[in-house]
Amino acid sequence: MVNDHAGVGGCAAAYLTANGHRELAAVVPWDPQLLDLGLERLAGFRRAAGEVPVARVDLAFDEAAAALVAGRWARGARPSAVFAYNDEYGMLLMRALLDAGLRVPGDVAVVGADDLPLCDLLRPRLTSVHLEAVASARSVADTLDGMIRGTLRRVPSLPLLRPRIVVRESA
């Protein structure tokens, strides 16, 4: 099974726009190893946002970089909601926003992706797009088992796993 990364972004945008957000931003990791997936998630986010403008925020995984973004938003125009590339970036940005005196979700709603267990331990708890990683591992294991046992005639096509939003306090 393959994760639908554009669908991850689309799921976040659909949730945020359905909840009335009309000023959106999306964090793209400033990391060459993550850039392609980040751009795929951004494309899905923009597509699902439709007519709602989306500001791209290139962000290094660094407290100082997140503090610069949060400080700029605290001093002036800011989105009502931001989709972070993953939960780690969401946590980084959420901390910076809170440190800058902004309320999450009151001033800026935050949505991450991957639905890490840590999302439930934060204050506020991080809303996240859930990815079916366990189902992916199970599907791969079943395919490998069939190949090893010789019961699999051909490798099946890999279906896309549909992401879903897990609503918590941050958005």
N, C-alpha and C. Protein backbone atom coordinates (compact mmCIF):
# COMPACT_ATOMS: atom_id res chain seq x y z
N MET A 1 0.84 -1.18 0.00
CA MET A 1 0.00 0.00 0.00
C MET A 1 0.88 1.24 0.00
N VAL A 2 0.36 2.28 -0.58
CA VAL A 2 1.11 3.52 -0.74
C VAL A 2 0.32 4.66 -0.11
N ASN A 3 1.01 5.47 0.66
CA ASN A 3 0.34 6.64 1.24
C ASN A 3 0.10 7.69 0.17
N ASP A 4 -1.05 8.26 0.19
CA ASP A 4 -1.47 9.30 -0.76
C ASP A 4 -1.07 10.66 -0.18
N HIS A 5 0.15 11.11 -0.49
CA HIS A 5 0.66 12.34 0.13
C HIS A 5 -0.11 13.57 -0.31
N ALA A 6 -0.54 13.62 -1.57
CA ALA A 6 -1.39 14.74 -1.99
C ALA A 6 -2.70 14.69 -1.23
N GLY A 7 -3.20 13.49 -0.99
CA GLY A 7 -4.43 13.32 -0.22
C GLY A 7 -4.28 13.76 1.23
N VAL A 8 -3.07 13.64 1.78
CA VAL A 8 -2.81 14.11 3.15
C VAL A 8 -3.05 15.61 3.21
N GLY A 9 -2.44 16.34 2.26
CA GLY A 9 -2.66 17.78 2.21
C GLY A 9 -4.11 18.13 1.94
N GLY A 10 -4.72 17.38 1.03
CA GLY A 10 -6.12 17.63 0.71
C GLY A 10 -7.05 17.41 1.89
N CYS A 11 -6.77 16.40 2.68
CA CYS A 11 -7.57 16.10 3.86
C CYS A 11 -7.49 17.27 4.85
N ALA A 12 -6.28 17.79 5.06
CA ALA A 12 -6.10 18.92 5.98
C ALA A 12 -6.84 20.16 5.48
N ALA A 13 -6.71 20.46 4.18
CA ALA A 13 -7.37 21.65 3.62
C ALA A 13 -8.89 21.51 3.67
N ALA A 14 -9.40 20.34 3.37
CA ALA A 14 -10.85 20.13 3.41
C ALA A 14 -11.38 20.38 4.82
N TYR A 15 -10.68 19.89 5.82
CA TYR A 15 -11.11 20.09 7.21
C TYR A 15 -11.06 21.58 7.57
N LEU A 16 -9.96 22.23 7.24
CA LEU A 16 -9.80 23.64 7.64
C LEU A 16 -10.80 24.55 6.92
N THR A 17 -10.99 24.35 5.63
CA THR A 17 -11.94 25.21 4.90
C THR A 17 -13.38 24.92 5.34
N ALA A 18 -13.68 23.66 5.65
CA ALA A 18 -15.03 23.33 6.14
C ALA A 18 -15.31 23.99 7.48
N ASN A 19 -14.25 24.32 8.21
CA ASN A 19 -14.40 24.99 9.50
C ASN A 19 -14.22 26.50 9.40
N GLY A 20 -14.32 27.02 8.18
CA GLY A 20 -14.38 28.47 7.99
C GLY A 20 -13.06 29.19 7.81
N HIS A 21 -11.96 28.49 7.76
CA HIS A 21 -10.66 29.17 7.58
C HIS A 21 -10.51 29.62 6.13
N ARG A 22 -10.17 30.90 5.96
CA ARG A 22 -10.03 31.48 4.62
C ARG A 22 -8.66 32.12 4.40
N GLU A 23 -7.80 32.02 5.38
CA GLU A 23 -6.41 32.51 5.27
C GLU A 23 -5.52 31.36 5.71
N LEU A 24 -4.98 30.64 4.73
CA LEU A 24 -4.26 29.41 5.02
C LEU A 24 -2.78 29.53 4.70
N ALA A 25 -1.99 28.74 5.42
CA ALA A 25 -0.57 28.60 5.14
C ALA A 25 -0.24 27.11 5.21
N ALA A 26 0.80 26.73 4.50
CA ALA A 26 1.27 25.34 4.53
C ALA A 26 2.78 25.35 4.68
N VAL A 27 3.26 24.59 5.65
CA VAL A 27 4.70 24.48 5.91
C VAL A 27 5.29 23.42 4.99
N VAL A 28 6.33 23.82 4.26
CA VAL A 28 7.10 22.90 3.43
C VAL A 28 8.48 22.79 4.08
N PRO A 29 8.96 21.57 4.32
CA PRO A 29 10.26 21.43 5.00
C PRO A 29 11.41 21.95 4.14
N TRP A 30 12.27 22.72 4.79
CA TRP A 30 13.48 23.23 4.14
C TRP A 30 14.55 22.16 4.32
N ASP A 31 14.36 21.04 3.64
CA ASP A 31 15.23 19.87 3.77
C ASP A 31 15.16 19.11 2.45
N PRO A 32 16.28 18.99 1.74
CA PRO A 32 16.26 18.34 0.43
C PRO A 32 15.69 16.92 0.46
N GLN A 33 15.86 16.20 1.57
CA GLN A 33 15.36 14.83 1.65
C GLN A 33 13.83 14.77 1.80
N LEU A 34 13.23 15.84 2.27
CA LEU A 34 11.78 15.86 2.50
C LEU A 34 11.03 16.73 1.50
N LEU A 35 11.76 17.47 0.68
CA LEU A 35 11.14 18.48 -0.19
C LEU A 35 10.10 17.89 -1.14
N ASP A 36 10.41 16.77 -1.80
CA ASP A 36 9.46 16.21 -2.77
C ASP A 36 8.13 15.85 -2.12
N LEU A 37 8.19 15.17 -0.97
CA LEU A 37 6.94 14.83 -0.27
C LEU A 37 6.24 16.09 0.22
N GLY A 38 7.02 17.06 0.68
CA GLY A 38 6.44 18.32 1.14
C GLY A 38 5.70 19.04 0.02
N LEU A 39 6.29 19.04 -1.17
CA LEU A 39 5.64 19.69 -2.31
C LEU A 39 4.40 18.93 -2.76
N GLU A 40 4.44 17.61 -2.65
CA GLU A 40 3.27 16.80 -2.99
C GLU A 40 2.12 17.09 -2.03
N ARG A 41 2.44 17.20 -0.74
CA ARG A 41 1.40 17.53 0.25
C ARG A 41 0.88 18.94 0.04
N LEU A 42 1.77 19.87 -0.29
CA LEU A 42 1.37 21.25 -0.58
C LEU A 42 0.43 21.30 -1.78
N ALA A 43 0.76 20.56 -2.84
CA ALA A 43 -0.09 20.55 -4.04
C ALA A 43 -1.49 20.04 -3.71
N GLY A 44 -1.58 18.98 -2.93
CA GLY A 44 -2.88 18.46 -2.53
C GLY A 44 -3.64 19.44 -1.65
N PHE A 45 -2.91 20.13 -0.77
CA PHE A 45 -3.52 21.13 0.11
C PHE A 45 -4.10 22.27 -0.72
N ARG A 46 -3.30 22.77 -1.67
CA ARG A 46 -3.77 23.88 -2.52
C ARG A 46 -4.95 23.47 -3.38
N ARG A 47 -4.89 22.27 -3.93
CA ARG A 47 -5.98 21.79 -4.79
C ARG A 47 -7.28 21.72 -4.00
N ALA A 48 -7.22 21.17 -2.79
CA ALA A 48 -8.43 21.03 -1.97
C ALA A 48 -8.91 22.37 -1.41
N ALA A 49 -7.99 23.32 -1.25
CA ALA A 49 -8.37 24.64 -0.74
C ALA A 49 -9.15 25.43 -1.78
N GLY A 50 -9.03 25.04 -3.04
CA GLY A 50 -9.79 25.70 -4.10
C GLY A 50 -9.44 27.16 -4.24
N GLU A 51 -10.42 28.02 -4.06
CA GLU A 51 -10.25 29.47 -4.22
C GLU A 51 -9.57 30.13 -3.02
N VAL A 52 -9.44 29.41 -1.93
CA VAL A 52 -8.83 29.98 -0.73
C VAL A 52 -7.32 30.06 -0.95
N PRO A 53 -6.73 31.26 -0.82
CA PRO A 53 -5.29 31.37 -1.04
C PRO A 53 -4.49 30.63 0.03
N VAL A 54 -3.37 30.06 -0.39
CA VAL A 54 -2.48 29.32 0.52
C VAL A 54 -1.08 29.91 0.42
N ALA A 55 -0.57 30.39 1.54
CA ALA A 55 0.81 30.89 1.59
C ALA A 55 1.74 29.72 1.87
N ARG A 56 2.79 29.60 1.08
CA ARG A 56 3.81 28.56 1.31
C ARG A 56 4.82 29.10 2.31
N VAL A 57 5.10 28.31 3.34
CA VAL A 57 6.09 28.67 4.36
C VAL A 57 7.19 27.62 4.32
N ASP A 58 8.35 28.00 3.78
CA ASP A 58 9.51 27.11 3.79
C ASP A 58 10.15 27.22 5.17
N LEU A 59 10.30 26.09 5.86
CA LEU A 59 10.75 26.13 7.24
C LEU A 59 11.79 25.04 7.51
N ALA A 60 12.94 25.46 8.03
CA ALA A 60 13.93 24.51 8.51
C ALA A 60 13.43 23.96 9.84
N PHE A 61 13.81 22.72 10.14
CA PHE A 61 13.41 22.14 11.42
C PHE A 61 14.37 22.67 12.48
N ASP A 62 14.04 23.88 12.94
CA ASP A 62 14.94 24.62 13.81
C ASP A 62 14.10 25.60 14.64
N GLU A 63 14.34 25.64 15.93
CA GLU A 63 13.54 26.52 16.80
C GLU A 63 13.66 27.98 16.41
N ALA A 64 14.86 28.41 16.02
CA ALA A 64 15.05 29.82 15.65
C ALA A 64 14.25 30.16 14.39
N ALA A 65 14.23 29.25 13.42
CA ALA A 65 13.48 29.49 12.19
C ALA A 65 11.98 29.56 12.49
N ALA A 66 11.50 28.66 13.32
CA ALA A 66 10.08 28.68 13.69
C ALA A 66 9.74 29.95 14.47
N ALA A 67 10.65 30.39 15.33
CA ALA A 67 10.43 31.61 16.11
C ALA A 67 10.33 32.83 15.19
N LEU A 68 11.11 32.86 14.12
CA LEU A 68 11.04 33.97 13.16
C LEU A 68 9.66 34.02 12.50
N VAL A 69 9.17 32.87 12.07
CA VAL A 69 7.84 32.81 11.44
C VAL A 69 6.77 33.25 12.44
N ALA A 70 6.81 32.69 13.64
CA ALA A 70 5.81 33.01 14.65
C ALA A 70 5.87 34.48 15.05
N GLY A 71 7.07 35.01 15.16
CA GLY A 71 7.23 36.43 15.50
C GLY A 71 6.65 37.34 14.44
N ARG A 72 6.89 36.99 13.18
CA ARG A 72 6.33 37.77 12.07
C ARG A 72 4.80 37.73 12.12
N TRP A 73 4.24 36.56 12.37
CA TRP A 73 2.78 36.43 12.45
C TRP A 73 2.22 37.15 13.67
N ALA A 74 2.96 37.17 14.76
CA ALA A 74 2.48 37.85 15.97
C ALA A 74 2.43 39.37 15.77
N ARG A 75 3.32 39.89 14.92
CA ARG A 75 3.40 41.34 14.70
C ARG A 75 2.48 41.85 13.61
N GLY A 76 1.93 40.96 12.81
CA GLY A 76 1.13 41.47 11.68
C GLY A 76 0.21 40.42 11.11
N ALA A 77 0.06 40.51 9.79
CA ALA A 77 -0.86 39.60 9.09
C ALA A 77 -0.42 38.15 9.30
N ARG A 78 -1.39 37.30 9.54
CA ARG A 78 -1.09 35.89 9.76
C ARG A 78 -2.25 35.05 9.22
N PRO A 79 -1.98 33.80 8.93
CA PRO A 79 -3.07 32.92 8.51
C PRO A 79 -3.95 32.57 9.70
N SER A 80 -5.18 32.19 9.42
CA SER A 80 -6.03 31.71 10.51
C SER A 80 -5.73 30.24 10.81
N ALA A 81 -5.09 29.55 9.85
CA ALA A 81 -4.74 28.15 10.05
C ALA A 81 -3.52 27.79 9.22
N VAL A 82 -2.75 26.84 9.74
CA VAL A 82 -1.56 26.37 9.04
C VAL A 82 -1.52 24.84 9.05
N PHE A 83 -1.16 24.28 7.90
CA PHE A 83 -0.94 22.85 7.78
C PHE A 83 0.55 22.61 7.78
N ALA A 84 1.03 21.85 8.74
CA ALA A 84 2.45 21.54 8.83
C ALA A 84 2.73 20.23 8.10
N TYR A 85 3.88 20.16 7.45
CA TYR A 85 4.27 18.98 6.67
C TYR A 85 4.06 17.69 7.45
N ASN A 86 4.44 17.67 8.72
CA ASN A 86 4.21 16.50 9.56
C ASN A 86 4.01 16.94 11.01
N ASP A 87 3.82 16.00 11.89
CA ASP A 87 3.56 16.34 13.28
C ASP A 87 4.75 17.03 13.94
N GLU A 88 5.96 16.60 13.60
CA GLU A 88 7.14 17.24 14.20
C GLU A 88 7.19 18.73 13.84
N TYR A 89 6.94 19.05 12.58
CA TYR A 89 6.91 20.46 12.17
C TYR A 89 5.73 21.17 12.82
N GLY A 90 4.61 20.49 12.96
CA GLY A 90 3.46 21.08 13.64
C GLY A 90 3.77 21.40 15.09
N MET A 91 4.44 20.49 15.77
CA MET A 91 4.82 20.71 17.17
C MET A 91 5.81 21.86 17.29
N LEU A 92 6.80 21.88 16.40
CA LEU A 92 7.79 22.95 16.38
C LEU A 92 7.12 24.31 16.20
N LEU A 93 6.24 24.40 15.23
CA LEU A 93 5.57 25.67 14.95
C LEU A 93 4.60 26.04 16.06
N MET A 94 3.87 25.07 16.58
CA MET A 94 2.91 25.35 17.65
C MET A 94 3.63 25.92 18.87
N ARG A 95 4.76 25.34 19.22
CA ARG A 95 5.52 25.86 20.36
C ARG A 95 5.97 27.29 20.10
N ALA A 96 6.46 27.56 18.90
CA ALA A 96 6.91 28.91 18.56
C ALA A 96 5.75 29.90 18.60
N LEU A 97 4.59 29.49 18.11
CA LEU A 97 3.41 30.37 18.14
C LEU A 97 3.03 30.71 19.58
N LEU A 98 3.00 29.70 20.43
CA LEU A 98 2.66 29.92 21.84
C LEU A 98 3.70 30.80 22.52
N ASP A 99 4.98 30.56 22.23
CA ASP A 99 6.06 31.38 22.79
C ASP A 99 5.96 32.83 22.35
N ALA A 100 5.42 33.05 21.14
CA ALA A 100 5.26 34.41 20.60
C ALA A 100 4.00 35.09 21.13
N GLY A 101 3.25 34.40 21.98
CA GLY A 101 2.06 34.99 22.58
C GLY A 101 0.78 34.76 21.80
N LEU A 102 0.84 33.95 20.76
CA LEU A 102 -0.35 33.64 19.98
C LEU A 102 -1.08 32.45 20.59
N ARG A 103 -2.40 32.45 20.44
CA ARG A 103 -3.21 31.35 20.96
C ARG A 103 -3.45 30.32 19.85
N VAL A 104 -3.28 29.07 20.21
CA VAL A 104 -3.57 27.96 19.31
C VAL A 104 -4.73 27.19 19.92
N PRO A 105 -5.86 27.13 19.27
CA PRO A 105 -6.19 27.54 17.91
C PRO A 105 -6.81 28.93 17.79
N GLY A 106 -6.93 29.68 18.87
CA GLY A 106 -7.63 30.97 18.83
C GLY A 106 -7.13 31.94 17.79
N ASP A 107 -5.81 32.10 17.70
CA ASP A 107 -5.22 33.01 16.70
C ASP A 107 -4.82 32.27 15.43
N VAL A 108 -4.23 31.10 15.60
CA VAL A 108 -3.79 30.28 14.47
C VAL A 108 -4.07 28.82 14.80
N ALA A 109 -4.87 28.18 13.98
CA ALA A 109 -5.11 26.74 14.12
C ALA A 109 -3.95 25.99 13.46
N VAL A 110 -3.57 24.86 14.03
CA VAL A 110 -2.44 24.08 13.50
C VAL A 110 -2.89 22.64 13.28
N VAL A 111 -2.56 22.11 12.08
CA VAL A 111 -2.81 20.72 11.74
C VAL A 111 -1.49 20.10 11.29
N GLY A 112 -1.16 18.95 11.85
CA GLY A 112 0.03 18.20 11.44
C GLY A 112 -0.36 17.01 10.59
N ALA A 113 0.59 16.11 10.40
CA ALA A 113 0.33 14.88 9.64
C ALA A 113 1.19 13.76 10.21
N ASP A 114 0.66 12.59 10.23
CA ASP A 114 1.26 11.32 10.68
C ASP A 114 0.56 10.79 11.93
N ASP A 115 -0.13 11.64 12.67
CA ASP A 115 -0.87 11.23 13.86
C ASP A 115 -0.01 10.44 14.84
N LEU A 116 1.11 11.04 15.21
CA LEU A 116 2.00 10.41 16.19
C LEU A 116 1.32 10.34 17.56
N PRO A 117 1.64 9.32 18.36
CA PRO A 117 1.06 9.23 19.71
C PRO A 117 1.32 10.48 20.55
N LEU A 118 2.42 11.15 20.30
CA LEU A 118 2.78 12.36 21.04
C LEU A 118 1.74 13.47 20.87
N CYS A 119 0.97 13.44 19.79
CA CYS A 119 -0.05 14.47 19.55
C CYS A 119 -1.03 14.58 20.71
N ASP A 120 -1.30 13.47 21.37
CA ASP A 120 -2.24 13.46 22.50
C ASP A 120 -1.63 13.98 23.79
N LEU A 121 -0.31 14.11 23.84
CA LEU A 121 0.36 14.51 25.07
C LEU A 121 0.65 16.01 25.12
N LEU A 122 0.42 16.70 24.03
CA LEU A 122 0.70 18.14 23.96
C LEU A 122 -0.45 18.95 24.53
N ARG A 123 -0.17 20.21 24.82
CA ARG A 123 -1.21 21.16 25.20
C ARG A 123 -1.05 22.37 24.31
N PRO A 124 -1.98 22.68 23.44
CA PRO A 124 -3.15 21.89 23.11
C PRO A 124 -2.77 20.63 22.32
N ARG A 125 -3.63 19.64 22.37
CA ARG A 125 -3.39 18.42 21.60
C ARG A 125 -3.42 18.76 20.11
N LEU A 126 -2.51 18.13 19.36
CA LEU A 126 -2.34 18.47 17.94
C LEU A 126 -3.30 17.70 17.04
N THR A 127 -4.13 18.42 16.30
CA THR A 127 -4.96 17.82 15.25
C THR A 127 -4.01 17.33 14.16
N SER A 128 -4.28 16.15 13.62
CA SER A 128 -3.33 15.56 12.68
C SER A 128 -4.06 14.71 11.64
N VAL A 129 -3.42 14.57 10.48
CA VAL A 129 -3.91 13.67 9.45
C VAL A 129 -3.30 12.30 9.71
N HIS A 130 -4.15 11.31 9.87
CA HIS A 130 -3.73 9.95 10.20
C HIS A 130 -3.32 9.20 8.93
N LEU A 131 -2.20 8.53 8.99
CA LEU A 131 -1.72 7.69 7.89
C LEU A 131 -1.75 6.23 8.35
N GLU A 132 -2.18 5.36 7.51
CA GLU A 132 -2.35 3.95 7.86
C GLU A 132 -1.04 3.17 7.77
N ALA A 133 -0.04 3.56 8.54
CA ALA A 133 1.27 2.90 8.49
C ALA A 133 1.19 1.43 8.87
N VAL A 134 0.38 1.07 9.84
CA VAL A 134 0.25 -0.34 10.24
C VAL A 134 -0.33 -1.16 9.10
N ALA A 135 -1.35 -0.64 8.44
CA ALA A 135 -1.93 -1.35 7.30
C ALA A 135 -0.91 -1.51 6.19
N SER A 136 -0.06 -0.51 5.98
CA SER A 136 0.97 -0.60 4.95
C SER A 136 1.93 -1.73 5.26
N ALA A 137 2.40 -1.81 6.48
CA ALA A 137 3.34 -2.84 6.89
C ALA A 137 2.70 -4.23 6.75
N ARG A 138 1.45 -4.35 7.14
CA ARG A 138 0.74 -5.63 7.05
C ARG A 138 0.62 -6.07 5.59
N SER A 139 0.27 -5.14 4.71
CA SER A 139 0.11 -5.47 3.31
C SER A 139 1.43 -5.94 2.70
N VAL A 140 2.51 -5.24 3.02
CA VAL A 140 3.83 -5.63 2.52
C VAL A 140 4.21 -7.00 3.06
N ALA A 141 3.97 -7.22 4.35
CA ALA A 141 4.30 -8.52 4.96
C ALA A 141 3.52 -9.65 4.30
N ASP A 142 2.23 -9.44 4.04
CA ASP A 142 1.41 -10.47 3.39
C ASP A 142 1.92 -10.76 1.98
N THR A 143 2.30 -9.72 1.26
CA THR A 143 2.82 -9.90 -0.10
C THR A 143 4.14 -10.67 -0.06
N LEU A 144 5.05 -10.29 0.84
CA LEU A 144 6.33 -10.99 0.96
C LEU A 144 6.11 -12.45 1.37
N ASP A 145 5.20 -12.69 2.28
CA ASP A 145 4.90 -14.05 2.71
C ASP A 145 4.42 -14.89 1.53
N GLY A 146 3.54 -14.33 0.73
CA GLY A 146 3.05 -15.04 -0.44
C GLY A 146 4.14 -15.31 -1.46
N MET A 147 5.06 -14.38 -1.61
CA MET A 147 6.18 -14.57 -2.54
C MET A 147 7.11 -15.67 -2.04
N ILE A 148 7.40 -15.66 -0.75
CA ILE A 148 8.31 -16.66 -0.17
C ILE A 148 7.69 -18.05 -0.24
N ARG A 149 6.42 -18.16 0.06
CA ARG A 149 5.73 -19.46 0.05
C ARG A 149 5.40 -19.93 -1.37
N GLY A 150 5.50 -19.03 -2.33
CA GLY A 150 5.18 -19.40 -3.70
C GLY A 150 3.70 -19.41 -4.00
N THR A 151 2.90 -18.84 -3.12
CA THR A 151 1.45 -18.82 -3.34
C THR A 151 0.98 -17.57 -4.07
N LEU A 152 1.88 -16.65 -4.27
CA LEU A 152 1.53 -15.39 -4.94
C LEU A 152 1.98 -15.49 -6.40
N ARG A 153 1.05 -15.42 -7.31
CA ARG A 153 1.36 -15.56 -8.74
C ARG A 153 1.96 -14.28 -9.31
N ARG A 154 1.46 -13.15 -8.85
CA ARG A 154 1.98 -11.87 -9.32
C ARG A 154 1.86 -10.86 -8.18
N VAL A 155 2.71 -9.87 -8.22
CA VAL A 155 2.67 -8.84 -7.19
C VAL A 155 1.46 -7.95 -7.45
N PRO A 156 0.59 -7.80 -6.47
CA PRO A 156 -0.61 -6.97 -6.68
C PRO A 156 -0.24 -5.50 -6.82
N SER A 157 -1.11 -4.75 -7.49
CA SER A 157 -0.90 -3.31 -7.55
C SER A 157 -1.07 -2.74 -6.15
N LEU A 158 -0.40 -1.67 -5.89
CA LEU A 158 -0.41 -1.09 -4.56
C LEU A 158 -1.51 -0.04 -4.45
N PRO A 159 -2.52 -0.29 -3.63
CA PRO A 159 -3.61 0.69 -3.48
C PRO A 159 -3.17 1.89 -2.65
N LEU A 160 -3.77 3.02 -2.92
CA LEU A 160 -3.53 4.21 -2.11
C LEU A 160 -4.32 4.10 -0.82
N LEU A 161 -3.68 4.44 0.28
CA LEU A 161 -4.39 4.50 1.56
C LEU A 161 -4.95 5.90 1.71
N ARG A 162 -6.19 5.99 2.05
CA ARG A 162 -6.84 7.29 2.22
C ARG A 162 -6.58 7.84 3.61
N PRO A 163 -6.03 9.02 3.70
CA PRO A 163 -5.81 9.64 5.01
C PRO A 163 -7.12 10.14 5.60
N ARG A 164 -7.12 10.32 6.92
CA ARG A 164 -8.29 10.87 7.60
C ARG A 164 -7.83 11.81 8.70
N ILE A 165 -8.64 12.80 8.98
CA ILE A 165 -8.29 13.80 10.00
C ILE A 165 -8.63 13.25 11.38
N VAL A 166 -7.74 13.49 12.33
CA VAL A 166 -7.99 13.18 13.74
C VAL A 166 -8.06 14.52 14.45
N VAL A 167 -9.27 14.91 14.80
CA VAL A 167 -9.50 16.25 15.36
C VAL A 167 -9.16 16.25 16.84
N ARG A 168 -8.30 17.21 17.18
CA ARG A 168 -7.95 17.44 18.58
C ARG A 168 -8.10 18.94 18.84
N GLU A 169 -7.43 19.46 19.84
CA GLU A 169 -7.65 20.84 20.28
C GLU A 169 -6.99 21.92 19.43
N SER A 170 -5.96 21.60 18.66
CA SER A 170 -5.19 22.65 17.98
C SER A 170 -5.88 23.23 16.76
N ALA A 171 -6.94 22.58 16.28
CA ALA A 171 -7.65 23.10 15.09
C ALA A 171 -9.10 22.63 15.10
